[in-house]
């Protein structure tokens, strides 16, 4: 009887011991990363772990996951958008899960800009387009794939020679510049990506990229190698099974930005609406 009682007590304490480990979850300070992080946090907490969120720019977060100051990063876009950042941490990290495919960076214009004039990045060179399109294309901070590859777009398409320039800016400035143009019907080139909530709210047209500079990525959950000693094999398996989609992230991102809920609330809304999918991630 004593042995049984001890075993019962030990088993009952397992969640406590699992939860004693704090996992540091890193994410870039953009809302679509935040809702993705909300899903990852949900899974970790279901496995009994405490989660500490660490946010920052791309340039700040990547070195932290490389050094182990951050255990997990949600998420890394590979093989294109985050290639330069990932290269510096590849040796100290591993890909834990492929969260979603078809992650894309691109340039857009509002749909009210005639498609007969502007349907491709190359069309920005047309004299009749150049005369109406602002020379300054406002993008995100310098360390983002959107801006690093955007500078390559300027060079490869010869846009610099006609006066176009790319301005790296904080997210608030990037959005405000677009909204100001959209609200007045002015022409504007808007660097964007999917998944992102603005695709679901505004009428935009993605510009063709004949030179395929932006490419197509998958979003990975990457982790420092030390995570393997911090998590149980079950928890690692649970995380590795997470599968999302462009539509799911866009829905959560829209909920956060339009309904004004927290990233975690947006994630929990989606989780509650998709119980079978979420249950399928749990190890059998």
C-alpha atoms as a PDB file:
ATOM      1  CA  UNK A   1       0.000   0.000   0.000  1.00  0.00           C
ATOM      2  CA  UNK A   2       2.837   2.376   0.867  1.00  0.00           C
ATOM      3  CA  UNK A   3       4.492   1.705  -2.490  1.00  0.00           C
ATOM      4  CA  UNK A   4       1.254   2.398  -4.368  1.00  0.00           C
ATOM      5  CA  UNK A   5       0.743   5.604  -2.374  1.00  0.00           C
ATOM      6  CA  UNK A   6       4.266   6.792  -3.220  1.00  0.00           C
ATOM      7  CA  UNK A   7       3.751   6.023  -6.925  1.00  0.00           C
ATOM      8  CA  UNK A   8       0.469   7.931  -6.960  1.00  0.00           C
ATOM      9  CA  UNK A   9       2.140  10.924  -5.349  1.00  0.00           C
ATOM     10  CA  UNK A  10       5.026  10.765  -7.819  1.00  0.00           C
ATOM     11  CA  UNK A  11       2.743  10.561 -10.863  1.00  0.00           C
ATOM     12  CA  UNK A  12       0.636  13.382  -9.496  1.00  0.00           C
ATOM     13  CA  UNK A  13       3.710  15.573  -9.266  1.00  0.00           C
ATOM     14  CA  UNK A  14       4.849  15.036 -12.877  1.00  0.00           C
ATOM     15  CA  UNK A  15       3.084  18.120 -14.299  1.00  0.00           C
ATOM     16  CA  UNK A  16       4.640  20.174 -11.518  1.00  0.00           C
ATOM     17  CA  UNK A  17       8.133  19.011 -12.394  1.00  0.00           C
ATOM     18  CA  UNK A  18       7.503  19.571 -16.095  1.00  0.00           C
ATOM     19  CA  UNK A  19       6.215  23.053 -15.406  1.00  0.00           C
ATOM     20  CA  UNK A  20       9.228  23.901 -13.288  1.00  0.00           C
ATOM     21  CA  UNK A  21      11.191  24.548 -16.490  1.00  0.00           C
ATOM     22  CA  UNK A  22      10.643  27.993 -18.016  1.00  0.00           C
ATOM     23  CA  UNK A  23      10.865  28.059 -21.802  1.00  0.00           C
ATOM     24  CA  UNK A  24      11.846  31.321 -23.455  1.00  0.00           C
ATOM     25  CA  UNK A  25       9.805  31.865 -26.596  1.00  0.00           C
ATOM     26  CA  UNK A  26      11.128  34.485 -28.991  1.00  0.00           C
ATOM     27  CA  UNK A  27       9.162  36.280 -31.652  1.00  0.00           C
ATOM     28  CA  UNK A  28       9.660  39.288 -33.907  1.00  0.00           C
ATOM     29  CA  UNK A  29       7.588  42.306 -32.917  1.00  0.00           C
ATOM     30  CA  UNK A  30       5.013  42.010 -35.699  1.00  0.00           C
ATOM     31  CA  UNK A  31       1.453  40.854 -35.078  1.00  0.00           C
ATOM     32  CA  UNK A  32       1.446  37.809 -37.375  1.00  0.00           C
ATOM     33  CA  UNK A  33       4.470  36.449 -35.512  1.00  0.00           C
ATOM     34  CA  UNK A  34       2.761  37.225 -32.196  1.00  0.00           C
ATOM     35  CA  UNK A  35      -0.340  35.141 -32.960  1.00  0.00           C
ATOM     36  CA  UNK A  36       1.861  32.292 -34.185  1.00  0.00           C
ATOM     37  CA  UNK A  37       3.707  32.529 -30.881  1.00  0.00           C
ATOM     38  CA  UNK A  38       0.347  32.387 -29.109  1.00  0.00           C
ATOM     39  CA  UNK A  39      -0.322  28.952 -30.601  1.00  0.00           C
ATOM     40  CA  UNK A  40       3.148  27.701 -29.640  1.00  0.00           C
ATOM     41  CA  UNK A  41       2.678  29.046 -26.105  1.00  0.00           C
ATOM     42  CA  UNK A  42      -0.652  27.218 -25.849  1.00  0.00           C
ATOM     43  CA  UNK A  43       1.011  23.906 -26.721  1.00  0.00           C
ATOM     44  CA  UNK A  44       3.874  24.431 -24.283  1.00  0.00           C
ATOM     45  CA  UNK A  45       1.514  25.303 -21.443  1.00  0.00           C
ATOM     46  CA  UNK A  46      -0.650  22.267 -22.217  1.00  0.00           C
ATOM     47  CA  UNK A  47       2.500  20.220 -21.692  1.00  0.00           C
ATOM     48  CA  UNK A  48       2.964  21.845 -18.276  1.00  0.00           C
ATOM     49  CA  UNK A  49       5.698  24.373 -19.047  1.00  0.00           C
ATOM     50  CA  UNK A  50       5.933  28.014 -18.063  1.00  0.00           C
ATOM     51  CA  UNK A  51       6.558  30.336 -21.027  1.00  0.00           C
ATOM     52  CA  UNK A  52       8.450  33.617 -21.022  1.00  0.00           C
ATOM     53  CA  UNK A  53       7.874  35.728 -24.120  1.00  0.00           C
ATOM     54  CA  UNK A  54      10.805  37.682 -25.540  1.00  0.00           C
ATOM     55  CA  UNK A  55      10.141  40.094 -28.404  1.00  0.00           C
ATOM     56  CA  UNK A  56      12.384  42.210 -30.573  1.00  0.00           C
ATOM     57  CA  UNK A  57      13.396  42.991 -34.117  1.00  0.00           C
ATOM     58  CA  UNK A  58      14.725  40.360 -36.498  1.00  0.00           C
ATOM     59  CA  UNK A  59      18.243  41.612 -35.803  1.00  0.00           C
ATOM     60  CA  UNK A  60      17.718  41.280 -32.036  1.00  0.00           C
ATOM     61  CA  UNK A  61      15.932  37.912 -31.872  1.00  0.00           C
ATOM     62  CA  UNK A  62      18.056  35.791 -34.173  1.00  0.00           C
ATOM     63  CA  UNK A  63      21.305  36.204 -32.177  1.00  0.00           C
ATOM     64  CA  UNK A  64      19.390  35.366 -28.996  1.00  0.00           C
ATOM     65  CA  UNK A  65      18.144  32.036 -30.312  1.00  0.00           C
ATOM     66  CA  UNK A  66      21.634  31.359 -31.575  1.00  0.00           C
ATOM     67  CA  UNK A  67      23.191  31.969 -28.152  1.00  0.00           C
ATOM     68  CA  UNK A  68      20.462  30.128 -26.229  1.00  0.00           C
ATOM     69  CA  UNK A  69      19.115  33.259 -24.557  1.00  0.00           C
ATOM     70  CA  UNK A  70      15.936  32.356 -26.443  1.00  0.00           C
ATOM     71  CA  UNK A  71      14.930  28.673 -26.605  1.00  0.00           C
ATOM     72  CA  UNK A  72      12.456  28.759 -29.501  1.00  0.00           C
ATOM     73  CA  UNK A  73      11.807  31.215 -32.323  1.00  0.00           C
ATOM     74  CA  UNK A  74       8.388  31.469 -33.939  1.00  0.00           C
ATOM     75  CA  UNK A  75       9.021  31.682 -36.812  1.00  0.00           C
ATOM     76  CA  UNK A  76      11.876  31.572 -39.328  1.00  0.00           C
ATOM     77  CA  UNK A  77      11.124  32.031 -43.040  1.00  0.00           C
ATOM     78  CA  UNK A  78      13.360  29.789 -45.132  1.00  0.00           C
ATOM     79  CA  UNK A  79      15.082  29.354 -47.513  1.00  0.00           C
ATOM     80  CA  UNK A  80      14.791  32.956 -48.746  1.00  0.00           C
ATOM     81  CA  UNK A  81      13.470  35.755 -46.544  1.00  0.00           C
ATOM     82  CA  UNK A  82      15.519  35.073 -43.408  1.00  0.00           C
ATOM     83  CA  UNK A  83      18.466  33.368 -45.095  1.00  0.00           C
ATOM     84  CA  UNK A  84      21.067  35.947 -44.049  1.00  0.00           C
ATOM     85  CA  UNK A  85      19.884  35.929 -40.424  1.00  0.00           C
ATOM     86  CA  UNK A  86      19.527  32.149 -40.212  1.00  0.00           C
ATOM     87  CA  UNK A  87      23.001  31.545 -41.627  1.00  0.00           C
ATOM     88  CA  UNK A  88      24.551  32.938 -38.438  1.00  0.00           C
ATOM     89  CA  UNK A  89      22.590  30.626 -36.110  1.00  0.00           C
ATOM     90  CA  UNK A  90      22.175  27.494 -38.201  1.00  0.00           C
ATOM     91  CA  UNK A  91      24.924  25.596 -36.353  1.00  0.00           C
ATOM     92  CA  UNK A  92      23.400  26.114 -32.916  1.00  0.00           C
ATOM     93  CA  UNK A  93      19.748  25.536 -33.834  1.00  0.00           C
ATOM     94  CA  UNK A  94      17.464  22.913 -35.353  1.00  0.00           C
ATOM     95  CA  UNK A  95      14.171  23.009 -37.227  1.00  0.00           C
ATOM     96  CA  UNK A  96      11.528  21.804 -34.798  1.00  0.00           C
ATOM     97  CA  UNK A  97       8.398  22.146 -36.946  1.00  0.00           C
ATOM     98  CA  UNK A  98       7.300  23.325 -40.366  1.00  0.00           C
ATOM     99  CA  UNK A  99       4.451  25.579 -39.257  1.00  0.00           C
ATOM    100  CA  UNK A 100       3.085  26.592 -42.646  1.00  0.00           C
ATOM    101  CA  UNK A 101       4.037  26.712 -46.315  1.00  0.00           C
ATOM    102  CA  UNK A 102       3.552  29.304 -49.070  1.00  0.00           C
ATOM    103  CA  UNK A 103       4.960  32.174 -47.013  1.00  0.00           C
ATOM    104  CA  UNK A 104       5.608  34.972 -49.473  1.00  0.00           C
ATOM    105  CA  UNK A 105       7.038  38.467 -49.611  1.00  0.00           C
ATOM    106  CA  UNK A 106       5.847  40.719 -52.449  1.00  0.00           C
ATOM    107  CA  UNK A 107       5.036  44.233 -53.533  1.00  0.00           C
ATOM    108  CA  UNK A 108       1.410  45.269 -53.969  1.00  0.00           C
ATOM    109  CA  UNK A 109      -0.582  48.187 -55.284  1.00  0.00           C
ATOM    110  CA  UNK A 110      -4.195  49.078 -54.454  1.00  0.00           C
ATOM    111  CA  UNK A 111      -6.695  47.532 -56.864  1.00  0.00           C
ATOM    112  CA  UNK A 112      -7.803  51.007 -57.969  1.00  0.00           C
ATOM    113  CA  UNK A 113      -4.437  51.357 -59.737  1.00  0.00           C
ATOM    114  CA  UNK A 114      -5.307  50.089 -63.254  1.00  0.00           C
ATOM    115  CA  UNK A 115      -4.042  46.559 -63.862  1.00  0.00           C
ATOM    116  CA  UNK A 116      -3.550  47.477 -67.529  1.00  0.00           C
ATOM    117  CA  UNK A 117      -0.799  49.823 -66.377  1.00  0.00           C
ATOM    118  CA  UNK A 118       0.623  48.094 -63.295  1.00  0.00           C
ATOM    119  CA  UNK A 119       0.543  44.323 -62.936  1.00  0.00           C
ATOM    120  CA  UNK A 120       4.269  43.595 -62.602  1.00  0.00           C
ATOM    121  CA  UNK A 121       7.267  45.132 -60.841  1.00  0.00           C
ATOM    122  CA  UNK A 122       8.654  45.807 -64.325  1.00  0.00           C
ATOM    123  CA  UNK A 123       5.663  48.072 -65.016  1.00  0.00           C
ATOM    124  CA  UNK A 124       6.967  50.547 -62.440  1.00  0.00           C
ATOM    125  CA  UNK A 125       9.508  51.574 -65.094  1.00  0.00           C
ATOM    126  CA  UNK A 126       6.843  52.821 -67.510  1.00  0.00           C
ATOM    127  CA  UNK A 127       7.007  56.639 -67.861  1.00  0.00           C
ATOM    128  CA  UNK A 128       3.241  56.978 -67.353  1.00  0.00           C
ATOM    129  CA  UNK A 129       3.490  54.939 -64.120  1.00  0.00           C
ATOM    130  CA  UNK A 130       6.649  56.603 -62.857  1.00  0.00           C
ATOM    131  CA  UNK A 131       5.007  60.024 -63.218  1.00  0.00           C
ATOM    132  CA  UNK A 132       2.208  59.036 -60.811  1.00  0.00           C
ATOM    133  CA  UNK A 133       3.923  56.627 -58.446  1.00  0.00           C
ATOM    134  CA  UNK A 134       5.764  58.099 -55.416  1.00  0.00           C
ATOM    135  CA  UNK A 135       9.528  57.640 -55.729  1.00  0.00           C
ATOM    136  CA  UNK A 136       9.862  56.563 -52.089  1.00  0.00           C
ATOM    137  CA  UNK A 137       8.661  53.041 -51.327  1.00  0.00           C
ATOM    138  CA  UNK A 138       8.214  52.695 -47.561  1.00  0.00           C
ATOM    139  CA  UNK A 139       9.150  49.294 -46.152  1.00  0.00           C
ATOM    140  CA  UNK A 140       9.900  47.748 -42.757  1.00  0.00           C
ATOM    141  CA  UNK A 141      13.145  48.040 -40.719  1.00  0.00           C
ATOM    142  CA  UNK A 142      16.466  47.304 -42.385  1.00  0.00           C
ATOM    143  CA  UNK A 143      16.962  43.830 -40.869  1.00  0.00           C
ATOM    144  CA  UNK A 144      13.710  42.413 -42.284  1.00  0.00           C
ATOM    145  CA  UNK A 145      13.631  40.133 -45.299  1.00  0.00           C
ATOM    146  CA  UNK A 146      11.038  42.468 -46.830  1.00  0.00           C
ATOM    147  CA  UNK A 147      13.563  45.290 -46.953  1.00  0.00           C
ATOM    148  CA  UNK A 148      16.756  43.328 -47.592  1.00  0.00           C
ATOM    149  CA  UNK A 149      15.194  41.596 -50.612  1.00  0.00           C
ATOM    150  CA  UNK A 150      13.389  44.807 -51.554  1.00  0.00           C
ATOM    151  CA  UNK A 151      16.749  46.492 -52.070  1.00  0.00           C
ATOM    152  CA  UNK A 152      17.699  43.640 -54.376  1.00  0.00           C
ATOM    153  CA  UNK A 153      14.464  44.224 -56.305  1.00  0.00           C
ATOM    154  CA  UNK A 154      15.445  47.871 -56.841  1.00  0.00           C
ATOM    155  CA  UNK A 155      18.792  46.823 -58.302  1.00  0.00           C
ATOM    156  CA  UNK A 156      17.689  43.824 -60.368  1.00  0.00           C
ATOM    157  CA  UNK A 157      14.801  45.673 -62.034  1.00  0.00           C
ATOM    158  CA  UNK A 158      16.750  48.899 -62.560  1.00  0.00           C
ATOM    159  CA  UNK A 159      14.308  50.908 -60.472  1.00  0.00           C
ATOM    160  CA  UNK A 160      17.029  52.998 -58.817  1.00  0.00           C
ATOM    161  CA  UNK A 161      18.028  54.428 -62.184  1.00  0.00           C
ATOM    162  CA  UNK A 162      14.547  55.956 -62.568  1.00  0.00           C
ATOM    163  CA  UNK A 163      14.581  57.513 -59.107  1.00  0.00           C
ATOM    164  CA  UNK A 164      12.853  54.933 -56.908  1.00  0.00           C
ATOM    165  CA  UNK A 165      14.233  54.441 -53.420  1.00  0.00           C
ATOM    166  CA  UNK A 166      13.344  52.122 -50.554  1.00  0.00           C
ATOM    167  CA  UNK A 167      12.881  53.675 -47.122  1.00  0.00           C
ATOM    168  CA  UNK A 168      13.288  51.427 -44.078  1.00  0.00           C
ATOM    169  CA  UNK A 169      10.803  52.499 -41.414  1.00  0.00           C
ATOM    170  CA  UNK A 170       9.107  51.332 -38.194  1.00  0.00           C
ATOM    171  CA  UNK A 171       5.929  49.275 -38.728  1.00  0.00           C
ATOM    172  CA  UNK A 172       3.704  52.179 -37.638  1.00  0.00           C
ATOM    173  CA  UNK A 173       5.206  54.444 -40.327  1.00  0.00           C
ATOM    174  CA  UNK A 174       4.970  51.711 -42.958  1.00  0.00           C
ATOM    175  CA  UNK A 175       1.244  51.219 -42.278  1.00  0.00           C
ATOM    176  CA  UNK A 176       0.459  54.931 -41.909  1.00  0.00           C
ATOM    177  CA  UNK A 177       2.065  55.742 -45.263  1.00  0.00           C
ATOM    178  CA  UNK A 178      -0.048  53.104 -47.000  1.00  0.00           C
ATOM    179  CA  UNK A 179      -3.305  54.097 -45.270  1.00  0.00           C
ATOM    180  CA  UNK A 180      -2.793  57.757 -46.119  1.00  0.00           C
ATOM    181  CA  UNK A 181      -2.456  56.897 -49.803  1.00  0.00           C
ATOM    182  CA  UNK A 182      -5.293  54.339 -49.800  1.00  0.00           C
ATOM    183  CA  UNK A 183      -7.757  56.645 -48.066  1.00  0.00           C
ATOM    184  CA  UNK A 184      -7.212  59.360 -50.675  1.00  0.00           C
ATOM    185  CA  UNK A 185      -7.004  57.063 -53.703  1.00  0.00           C
ATOM    186  CA  UNK A 186      -3.382  57.957 -54.347  1.00  0.00           C
ATOM    187  CA  UNK A 187      -1.050  55.547 -56.080  1.00  0.00           C
ATOM    188  CA  UNK A 188       1.404  53.714 -53.856  1.00  0.00           C
ATOM    189  CA  UNK A 189       3.664  50.663 -53.883  1.00  0.00           C
ATOM    190  CA  UNK A 190       3.126  48.721 -50.676  1.00  0.00           C
ATOM    191  CA  UNK A 191       5.665  46.028 -49.680  1.00  0.00           C
ATOM    192  CA  UNK A 192       3.702  43.240 -47.997  1.00  0.00           C
ATOM    193  CA  UNK A 193       3.597  39.493 -47.388  1.00  0.00           C
ATOM    194  CA  UNK A 194       1.334  36.607 -46.585  1.00  0.00           C
ATOM    195  CA  UNK A 195       0.092  35.765 -44.015  1.00  0.00           C
ATOM    196  CA  UNK A 196      -0.786  39.325 -43.004  1.00  0.00           C
ATOM    197  CA  UNK A 197      -4.085  40.843 -41.896  1.00  0.00           C
ATOM    198  CA  UNK A 198      -4.073  43.710 -44.399  1.00  0.00           C
ATOM    199  CA  UNK A 199      -4.563  41.218 -47.233  1.00  0.00           C
ATOM    200  CA  UNK A 200      -7.966  40.388 -45.734  1.00  0.00           C
ATOM    201  CA  UNK A 201      -9.046  43.997 -45.174  1.00  0.00           C
ATOM    202  CA  UNK A 202      -7.810  46.013 -48.157  1.00  0.00           C
ATOM    203  CA  UNK A 203      -8.259  45.418 -51.890  1.00  0.00           C
ATOM    204  CA  UNK A 204      -4.732  44.886 -53.118  1.00  0.00           C
ATOM    205  CA  UNK A 205      -3.059  43.423 -56.173  1.00  0.00           C
ATOM    206  CA  UNK A 206       0.187  41.512 -55.875  1.00  0.00           C
ATOM    207  CA  UNK A 207       2.731  42.597 -58.474  1.00  0.00           C
ATOM    208  CA  UNK A 208       4.275  39.825 -60.526  1.00  0.00           C
ATOM    209  CA  UNK A 209       7.967  39.218 -59.876  1.00  0.00           C
ATOM    210  CA  UNK A 210       9.324  37.759 -63.152  1.00  0.00           C
ATOM    211  CA  UNK A 211      12.872  37.571 -61.783  1.00  0.00           C
ATOM    212  CA  UNK A 212      11.578  35.660 -58.720  1.00  0.00           C
ATOM    213  CA  UNK A 213      13.696  37.671 -56.310  1.00  0.00           C
ATOM    214  CA  UNK A 214      11.318  37.271 -53.389  1.00  0.00           C
ATOM    215  CA  UNK A 215      10.774  33.534 -53.803  1.00  0.00           C
ATOM    216  CA  UNK A 216       8.497  31.280 -51.755  1.00  0.00           C
ATOM    217  CA  UNK A 217       9.257  30.171 -48.187  1.00  0.00           C
ATOM    218  CA  UNK A 218       8.046  27.918 -45.424  1.00  0.00           C
ATOM    219  CA  UNK A 219       7.783  29.165 -41.840  1.00  0.00           C
ATOM    220  CA  UNK A 220       9.716  27.020 -39.371  1.00  0.00           C
ATOM    221  CA  UNK A 221       9.698  26.776 -35.617  1.00  0.00           C
ATOM    222  CA  UNK A 222      13.426  26.755 -34.869  1.00  0.00           C
ATOM    223  CA  UNK A 223      15.044  26.077 -31.521  1.00  0.00           C
ATOM    224  CA  UNK A 224      18.424  26.199 -29.849  1.00  0.00           C
ATOM    225  CA  UNK A 225      19.921  22.720 -29.375  1.00  0.00           C
ATOM    226  CA  UNK A 226      19.721  23.132 -25.592  1.00  0.00           C
ATOM    227  CA  UNK A 227      15.918  22.871 -25.840  1.00  0.00           C
ATOM    228  CA  UNK A 228      16.303  19.102 -26.269  1.00  0.00           C
ATOM    229  CA  UNK A 229      17.479  18.853 -22.649  1.00  0.00           C
ATOM    230  CA  UNK A 230      14.751  21.170 -21.358  1.00  0.00           C
ATOM    231  CA  UNK A 231      11.664  19.532 -22.867  1.00  0.00           C
ATOM    232  CA  UNK A 232      10.313  16.030 -22.528  1.00  0.00           C
ATOM    233  CA  UNK A 233      10.253  13.869 -25.652  1.00  0.00           C
ATOM    234  CA  UNK A 234       6.460  14.171 -25.617  1.00  0.00           C
ATOM    235  CA  UNK A 235       6.572  17.969 -25.572  1.00  0.00           C
ATOM    236  CA  UNK A 236       9.117  18.028 -28.407  1.00  0.00           C
ATOM    237  CA  UNK A 237       6.882  15.704 -30.414  1.00  0.00           C
ATOM    238  CA  UNK A 238       3.823  17.844 -29.659  1.00  0.00           C
ATOM    239  CA  UNK A 239       5.578  20.991 -30.883  1.00  0.00           C
ATOM    240  CA  UNK A 240       6.910  19.237 -33.983  1.00  0.00           C
ATOM    241  CA  UNK A 241       3.343  18.299 -34.978  1.00  0.00           C
ATOM    242  CA  UNK A 242       2.010  21.886 -35.100  1.00  0.00           C
ATOM    243  CA  UNK A 243       0.604  22.615 -38.549  1.00  0.00           C
ATOM    244  CA  UNK A 244      -0.983  25.920 -39.430  1.00  0.00           C
ATOM    245  CA  UNK A 245      -1.803  27.642 -42.721  1.00  0.00           C
ATOM    246  CA  UNK A 246      -1.761  31.022 -44.413  1.00  0.00           C
ATOM    247  CA  UNK A 247      -5.527  31.262 -43.845  1.00  0.00           C
ATOM    248  CA  UNK A 248      -5.236  30.399 -40.136  1.00  0.00           C
ATOM    249  CA  UNK A 249      -2.503  32.963 -39.429  1.00  0.00           C
ATOM    250  CA  UNK A 250      -4.308  35.624 -41.467  1.00  0.00           C
ATOM    251  CA  UNK A 251      -7.513  34.975 -39.502  1.00  0.00           C
ATOM    252  CA  UNK A 252      -5.727  35.277 -36.145  1.00  0.00           C
ATOM    253  CA  UNK A 253      -3.797  38.343 -37.310  1.00  0.00           C
ATOM    254  CA  UNK A 254      -6.997  40.016 -38.475  1.00  0.00           C
ATOM    255  CA  UNK A 255      -8.675  39.231 -35.160  1.00  0.00           C
ATOM    256  CA  UNK A 256      -5.832  40.865 -33.275  1.00  0.00           C
ATOM    257  CA  UNK A 257      -5.702  44.015 -35.430  1.00  0.00           C
ATOM    258  CA  UNK A 258      -9.392  44.528 -36.207  1.00  0.00           C
ATOM    259  CA  UNK A 259     -11.101  43.074 -33.137  1.00  0.00           C
ATOM    260  CA  UNK A 260      -8.331  44.483 -30.907  1.00  0.00           C
ATOM    261  CA  UNK A 261      -7.743  41.332 -28.874  1.00  0.00           C
ATOM    262  CA  UNK A 262      -4.362  40.225 -27.543  1.00  0.00           C
ATOM    263  CA  UNK A 263      -2.194  37.835 -29.579  1.00  0.00           C
ATOM    264  CA  UNK A 264      -2.921  35.067 -27.095  1.00  0.00           C
ATOM    265  CA  UNK A 265      -6.676  35.728 -27.233  1.00  0.00           C
ATOM    266  CA  UNK A 266      -6.585  35.657 -31.029  1.00  0.00           C
ATOM    267  CA  UNK A 267      -4.737  32.329 -30.915  1.00  0.00           C
ATOM    268  CA  UNK A 268      -7.154  30.878 -28.368  1.00  0.00           C
ATOM    269  CA  UNK A 269     -10.138  31.919 -30.499  1.00  0.00           C
ATOM    270  CA  UNK A 270      -8.721  30.025 -33.450  1.00  0.00           C
ATOM    271  CA  UNK A 271      -7.801  27.024 -31.285  1.00  0.00           C
ATOM    272  CA  UNK A 272     -11.343  26.871 -29.858  1.00  0.00           C
ATOM    273  CA  UNK A 273     -12.801  26.974 -33.382  1.00  0.00           C
ATOM    274  CA  UNK A 274     -10.518  24.209 -34.679  1.00  0.00           C
ATOM    275  CA  UNK A 275     -10.440  21.541 -31.955  1.00  0.00           C
ATOM    276  CA  UNK A 276      -9.938  18.535 -34.245  1.00  0.00           C
ATOM    277  CA  UNK A 277      -6.918  20.075 -35.936  1.00  0.00           C
ATOM    278  CA  UNK A 278      -5.357  21.071 -32.612  1.00  0.00           C
ATOM    279  CA  UNK A 279      -6.064  17.613 -31.126  1.00  0.00           C
ATOM    280  CA  UNK A 280      -4.275  16.001 -34.050  1.00  0.00           C
ATOM    281  CA  UNK A 281      -0.996  17.593 -32.895  1.00  0.00           C
ATOM    282  CA  UNK A 282      -1.004  15.705 -29.584  1.00  0.00           C
ATOM    283  CA  UNK A 283       1.257  12.651 -29.505  1.00  0.00           C
ATOM    284  CA  UNK A 284      -0.749   9.418 -29.368  1.00  0.00           C
END
